[in-house]
Amino acid sequence: MTPDERKGYQEYLADFDPTPQNGGEDYDYPMSEDAWLEQRQDEAFNKLVEKNSAALKALSDLEALDSLCEEISEGLRRLAQENNS
């Protein structure tokens, strides 16, 4: 665990609220260091996936636009050839 991660975990522990649940019979317990670190890694991975998914969609949209531009250009060339004939 890096010093920043350790600091984050200590902040998590300081902010943890063990308020009784279910009428006071059950208590929440803080996550272990390993579980907390794994959760942070999962969250970071999910954000990366979301970001890359958005980038891939944008790329796909650009490719579709490029294809449309090629079709328009080809259509304009054909029109020009017909007009010159």
N, C-alpha and C. Protein backbone atom coordinates (compact mmCIF):
# COMPACT_ATOMS: atom_id res chain seq x y z
N MET A 1 0.87 -1.18 0.00
CA MET A 1 0.00 0.00 0.00
C MET A 1 0.91 1.23 0.00
N THR A 2 0.60 2.15 -0.91
CA THR A 2 1.40 3.38 -0.99
C THR A 2 1.06 4.31 0.17
N PRO A 3 1.90 5.28 0.44
CA PRO A 3 1.59 6.25 1.50
C PRO A 3 0.25 6.97 1.26
N ASP A 4 -0.04 7.32 0.01
CA ASP A 4 -1.32 7.98 -0.29
C ASP A 4 -2.49 7.05 -0.04
N GLU A 5 -2.33 5.78 -0.41
CA GLU A 5 -3.40 4.81 -0.16
C GLU A 5 -3.60 4.60 1.33
N ARG A 6 -2.49 4.52 2.07
CA ARG A 6 -2.59 4.35 3.52
C ARG A 6 -3.31 5.55 4.14
N LYS A 7 -2.98 6.75 3.66
CA LYS A 7 -3.65 7.95 4.16
C LYS A 7 -5.14 7.90 3.85
N GLY A 8 -5.49 7.47 2.63
CA GLY A 8 -6.89 7.34 2.24
C GLY A 8 -7.62 6.33 3.11
N TYR A 9 -6.96 5.22 3.40
CA TYR A 9 -7.59 4.20 4.25
C TYR A 9 -7.79 4.74 5.67
N GLN A 10 -6.82 5.47 6.18
CA GLN A 10 -6.97 6.05 7.51
C GLN A 10 -8.12 7.06 7.54
N GLU A 11 -8.28 7.82 6.46
CA GLU A 11 -9.41 8.76 6.37
C GLU A 11 -10.73 8.00 6.32
N TYR A 12 -10.74 6.88 5.58
CA TYR A 12 -11.93 6.04 5.53
C TYR A 12 -12.29 5.55 6.92
N LEU A 13 -11.30 5.08 7.66
CA LEU A 13 -11.56 4.60 9.03
C LEU A 13 -12.06 5.71 9.92
N ALA A 14 -11.49 6.90 9.78
CA ALA A 14 -11.90 8.03 10.62
C ALA A 14 -13.34 8.45 10.32
N ASP A 15 -13.76 8.30 9.05
CA ASP A 15 -15.12 8.70 8.65
C ASP A 15 -16.13 7.55 8.78
N PHE A 16 -15.66 6.36 9.10
CA PHE A 16 -16.56 5.21 9.16
C PHE A 16 -17.58 5.37 10.27
N ASP A 17 -18.84 5.07 9.95
CA ASP A 17 -19.93 5.19 10.92
C ASP A 17 -20.47 3.80 11.26
N PRO A 18 -20.16 3.30 12.47
CA PRO A 18 -20.62 1.95 12.84
C PRO A 18 -22.03 1.95 13.44
N THR A 19 -22.89 2.84 12.96
CA THR A 19 -24.24 2.94 13.49
C THR A 19 -24.93 1.57 13.46
N PRO A 20 -25.59 1.22 14.54
CA PRO A 20 -26.32 -0.06 14.56
C PRO A 20 -27.36 -0.13 13.44
N GLN A 21 -27.49 -1.32 12.88
CA GLN A 21 -28.45 -1.57 11.80
C GLN A 21 -29.54 -2.51 12.30
N ASN A 22 -30.65 -2.55 11.60
CA ASN A 22 -31.72 -3.51 11.89
C ASN A 22 -32.15 -3.48 13.35
N GLY A 23 -32.49 -2.31 13.84
CA GLY A 23 -32.98 -2.19 15.22
C GLY A 23 -31.91 -2.36 16.27
N GLY A 24 -30.66 -2.15 15.90
CA GLY A 24 -29.58 -2.18 16.88
C GLY A 24 -28.95 -3.54 17.10
N GLU A 25 -29.36 -4.55 16.35
CA GLU A 25 -28.79 -5.88 16.55
C GLU A 25 -27.54 -6.13 15.72
N ASP A 26 -27.44 -5.45 14.59
CA ASP A 26 -26.29 -5.65 13.70
C ASP A 26 -25.48 -4.36 13.63
N TYR A 27 -24.18 -4.52 13.50
CA TYR A 27 -23.29 -3.38 13.36
C TYR A 27 -22.48 -3.54 12.09
N ASP A 28 -22.24 -2.40 11.44
CA ASP A 28 -21.34 -2.41 10.30
C ASP A 28 -19.91 -2.41 10.80
N TYR A 29 -19.05 -3.07 10.05
CA TYR A 29 -17.63 -3.08 10.39
C TYR A 29 -16.87 -2.49 9.22
N PRO A 30 -15.79 -1.78 9.51
CA PRO A 30 -15.02 -1.21 8.39
C PRO A 30 -14.36 -2.31 7.57
N MET A 31 -14.14 -2.00 6.30
CA MET A 31 -13.44 -2.95 5.43
C MET A 31 -11.99 -3.08 5.88
N SER A 32 -11.42 -4.22 5.60
CA SER A 32 -9.99 -4.41 5.85
C SER A 32 -9.21 -3.57 4.85
N GLU A 33 -7.92 -3.40 5.11
CA GLU A 33 -7.08 -2.65 4.17
C GLU A 33 -7.16 -3.26 2.78
N ASP A 34 -7.07 -4.59 2.73
CA ASP A 34 -7.09 -5.27 1.42
C ASP A 34 -8.42 -5.07 0.70
N ALA A 35 -9.52 -5.20 1.42
CA ALA A 35 -10.84 -5.02 0.80
C ALA A 35 -11.03 -3.57 0.34
N TRP A 36 -10.59 -2.62 1.17
CA TRP A 36 -10.70 -1.21 0.80
C TRP A 36 -9.88 -0.91 -0.44
N LEU A 37 -8.65 -1.43 -0.48
CA LEU A 37 -7.77 -1.21 -1.63
C LEU A 37 -8.35 -1.86 -2.89
N GLU A 38 -8.90 -3.07 -2.75
CA GLU A 38 -9.50 -3.75 -3.89
C GLU A 38 -10.70 -2.95 -4.42
N GLN A 39 -11.50 -2.40 -3.50
CA GLN A 39 -12.65 -1.60 -3.93
C GLN A 39 -12.19 -0.36 -4.70
N ARG A 40 -11.15 0.29 -4.21
CA ARG A 40 -10.61 1.46 -4.93
C ARG A 40 -10.10 1.08 -6.31
N GLN A 41 -9.41 -0.05 -6.40
CA GLN A 41 -8.89 -0.51 -7.68
C GLN A 41 -10.04 -0.83 -8.64
N ASP A 42 -11.09 -1.47 -8.12
CA ASP A 42 -12.26 -1.77 -8.95
C ASP A 42 -12.91 -0.49 -9.46
N GLU A 43 -13.04 0.50 -8.59
CA GLU A 43 -13.64 1.78 -8.99
C GLU A 43 -12.78 2.46 -10.06
N ALA A 44 -11.47 2.44 -9.88
CA ALA A 44 -10.57 3.04 -10.86
C ALA A 44 -10.66 2.30 -12.20
N PHE A 45 -10.74 0.97 -12.15
CA PHE A 45 -10.86 0.18 -13.36
C PHE A 45 -12.17 0.50 -14.08
N ASN A 46 -13.27 0.58 -13.32
CA ASN A 46 -14.58 0.88 -13.91
C ASN A 46 -14.59 2.25 -14.57
N LYS A 47 -13.94 3.23 -13.94
CA LYS A 47 -13.85 4.57 -14.55
C LYS A 47 -13.05 4.51 -15.85
N LEU A 48 -11.98 3.73 -15.84
CA LEU A 48 -11.16 3.59 -17.04
C LEU A 48 -11.96 2.93 -18.16
N VAL A 49 -12.73 1.90 -17.82
CA VAL A 49 -13.57 1.23 -18.82
C VAL A 49 -14.59 2.20 -19.40
N GLU A 50 -15.24 2.99 -18.52
CA GLU A 50 -16.22 3.97 -18.99
C GLU A 50 -15.57 4.99 -19.92
N LYS A 51 -14.40 5.47 -19.53
CA LYS A 51 -13.71 6.46 -20.34
C LYS A 51 -13.32 5.87 -21.70
N ASN A 52 -12.78 4.66 -21.69
CA ASN A 52 -12.39 4.02 -22.95
C ASN A 52 -13.60 3.67 -23.81
N SER A 53 -14.71 3.30 -23.17
CA SER A 53 -15.92 3.01 -23.93
C SER A 53 -16.41 4.26 -24.65
N ALA A 54 -16.36 5.38 -23.95
CA ALA A 54 -16.77 6.64 -24.56
C ALA A 54 -15.84 7.00 -25.73
N ALA A 55 -14.55 6.76 -25.54
CA ALA A 55 -13.59 7.06 -26.61
C ALA A 55 -13.82 6.14 -27.81
N LEU A 56 -14.11 4.87 -27.56
CA LEU A 56 -14.37 3.94 -28.66
C LEU A 56 -15.65 4.30 -29.41
N LYS A 57 -16.67 4.75 -28.68
CA LYS A 57 -17.91 5.18 -29.33
C LYS A 57 -17.64 6.41 -30.20
N ALA A 58 -16.86 7.35 -29.67
CA ALA A 58 -16.53 8.55 -30.45
C ALA A 58 -15.76 8.16 -31.70
N LEU A 59 -14.83 7.21 -31.57
CA LEU A 59 -14.07 6.75 -32.72
C LEU A 59 -14.99 6.08 -33.74
N SER A 60 -15.91 5.28 -33.26
CA SER A 60 -16.87 4.63 -34.14
C SER A 60 -17.72 5.67 -34.87
N ASP A 61 -18.14 6.70 -34.15
CA ASP A 61 -18.92 7.78 -34.76
C ASP A 61 -18.09 8.49 -35.84
N LEU A 62 -16.80 8.71 -35.57
CA LEU A 62 -15.93 9.35 -36.56
C LEU A 62 -15.76 8.48 -37.80
N GLU A 63 -15.63 7.18 -37.58
CA GLU A 63 -15.50 6.26 -38.71
C GLU A 63 -16.77 6.27 -39.55
N ALA A 64 -17.92 6.31 -38.91
CA ALA A 64 -19.18 6.37 -39.64
C ALA A 64 -19.28 7.67 -40.42
N LEU A 65 -18.85 8.76 -39.79
CA LEU A 65 -18.87 10.06 -40.47
C LEU A 65 -17.91 10.06 -41.66
N ASP A 66 -16.75 9.46 -41.48
CA ASP A 66 -15.78 9.37 -42.57
C ASP A 66 -16.36 8.58 -43.74
N SER A 67 -17.04 7.50 -43.44
CA SER A 67 -17.67 6.69 -44.47
C SER A 67 -18.75 7.49 -45.20
N LEU A 68 -19.53 8.25 -44.46
CA LEU A 68 -20.57 9.09 -45.07
C LEU A 68 -19.95 10.15 -45.97
N CYS A 69 -18.85 10.74 -45.53
CA CYS A 69 -18.16 11.75 -46.35
C CYS A 69 -17.65 11.13 -47.65
N GLU A 70 -17.13 9.92 -47.57
CA GLU A 70 -16.67 9.23 -48.78
C GLU A 70 -17.82 8.98 -49.74
N GLU A 71 -18.97 8.58 -49.22
CA GLU A 71 -20.14 8.34 -50.07
C GLU A 71 -20.59 9.64 -50.74
N ILE A 72 -20.59 10.73 -49.99
CA ILE A 72 -20.98 12.02 -50.55
C ILE A 72 -20.00 12.45 -51.63
N SER A 73 -18.72 12.28 -51.35
CA SER A 73 -17.69 12.64 -52.35
C SER A 73 -17.85 11.83 -53.62
N GLU A 74 -18.09 10.55 -53.47
CA GLU A 74 -18.29 9.69 -54.64
C GLU A 74 -19.53 10.12 -55.42
N GLY A 75 -20.59 10.45 -54.72
CA GLY A 75 -21.80 10.92 -55.38
C GLY A 75 -21.57 12.22 -56.13
N LEU A 76 -20.80 13.13 -55.53
CA LEU A 76 -20.48 14.40 -56.20
C LEU A 76 -19.62 14.16 -57.43
N ARG A 77 -18.68 13.23 -57.37
CA ARG A 77 -17.84 12.91 -58.54
C ARG A 77 -18.69 12.37 -59.70
N ARG A 78 -19.63 11.48 -59.33
CA ARG A 78 -20.52 10.94 -60.36
C ARG A 78 -21.37 12.03 -61.00
N LEU A 79 -21.88 12.94 -60.18
CA LEU A 79 -22.68 14.05 -60.71
C LEU A 79 -21.84 14.93 -61.63
N ALA A 80 -20.62 15.19 -61.22
CA ALA A 80 -19.73 16.02 -62.04
C ALA A 80 -19.45 15.34 -63.38
N GLN A 81 -19.22 14.02 -63.33
CA GLN A 81 -18.97 13.29 -64.57
C GLN A 81 -20.20 13.29 -65.49
N GLU A 82 -21.38 13.14 -64.90
CA GLU A 82 -22.61 13.16 -65.69
C GLU A 82 -22.83 14.53 -66.32
N ASN A 83 -22.52 15.57 -65.59
CA ASN A 83 -22.69 16.92 -66.12
C ASN A 83 -21.67 17.23 -67.21
N ASN A 84 -20.49 16.63 -67.16
CA ASN A 84 -19.46 16.86 -68.18
C ASN A 84 -19.71 16.01 -69.41
N SER A 85 -20.60 15.04 -69.33
CA SER A 85 -20.85 14.15 -70.49
C SER A 85 -21.81 14.76 -71.46
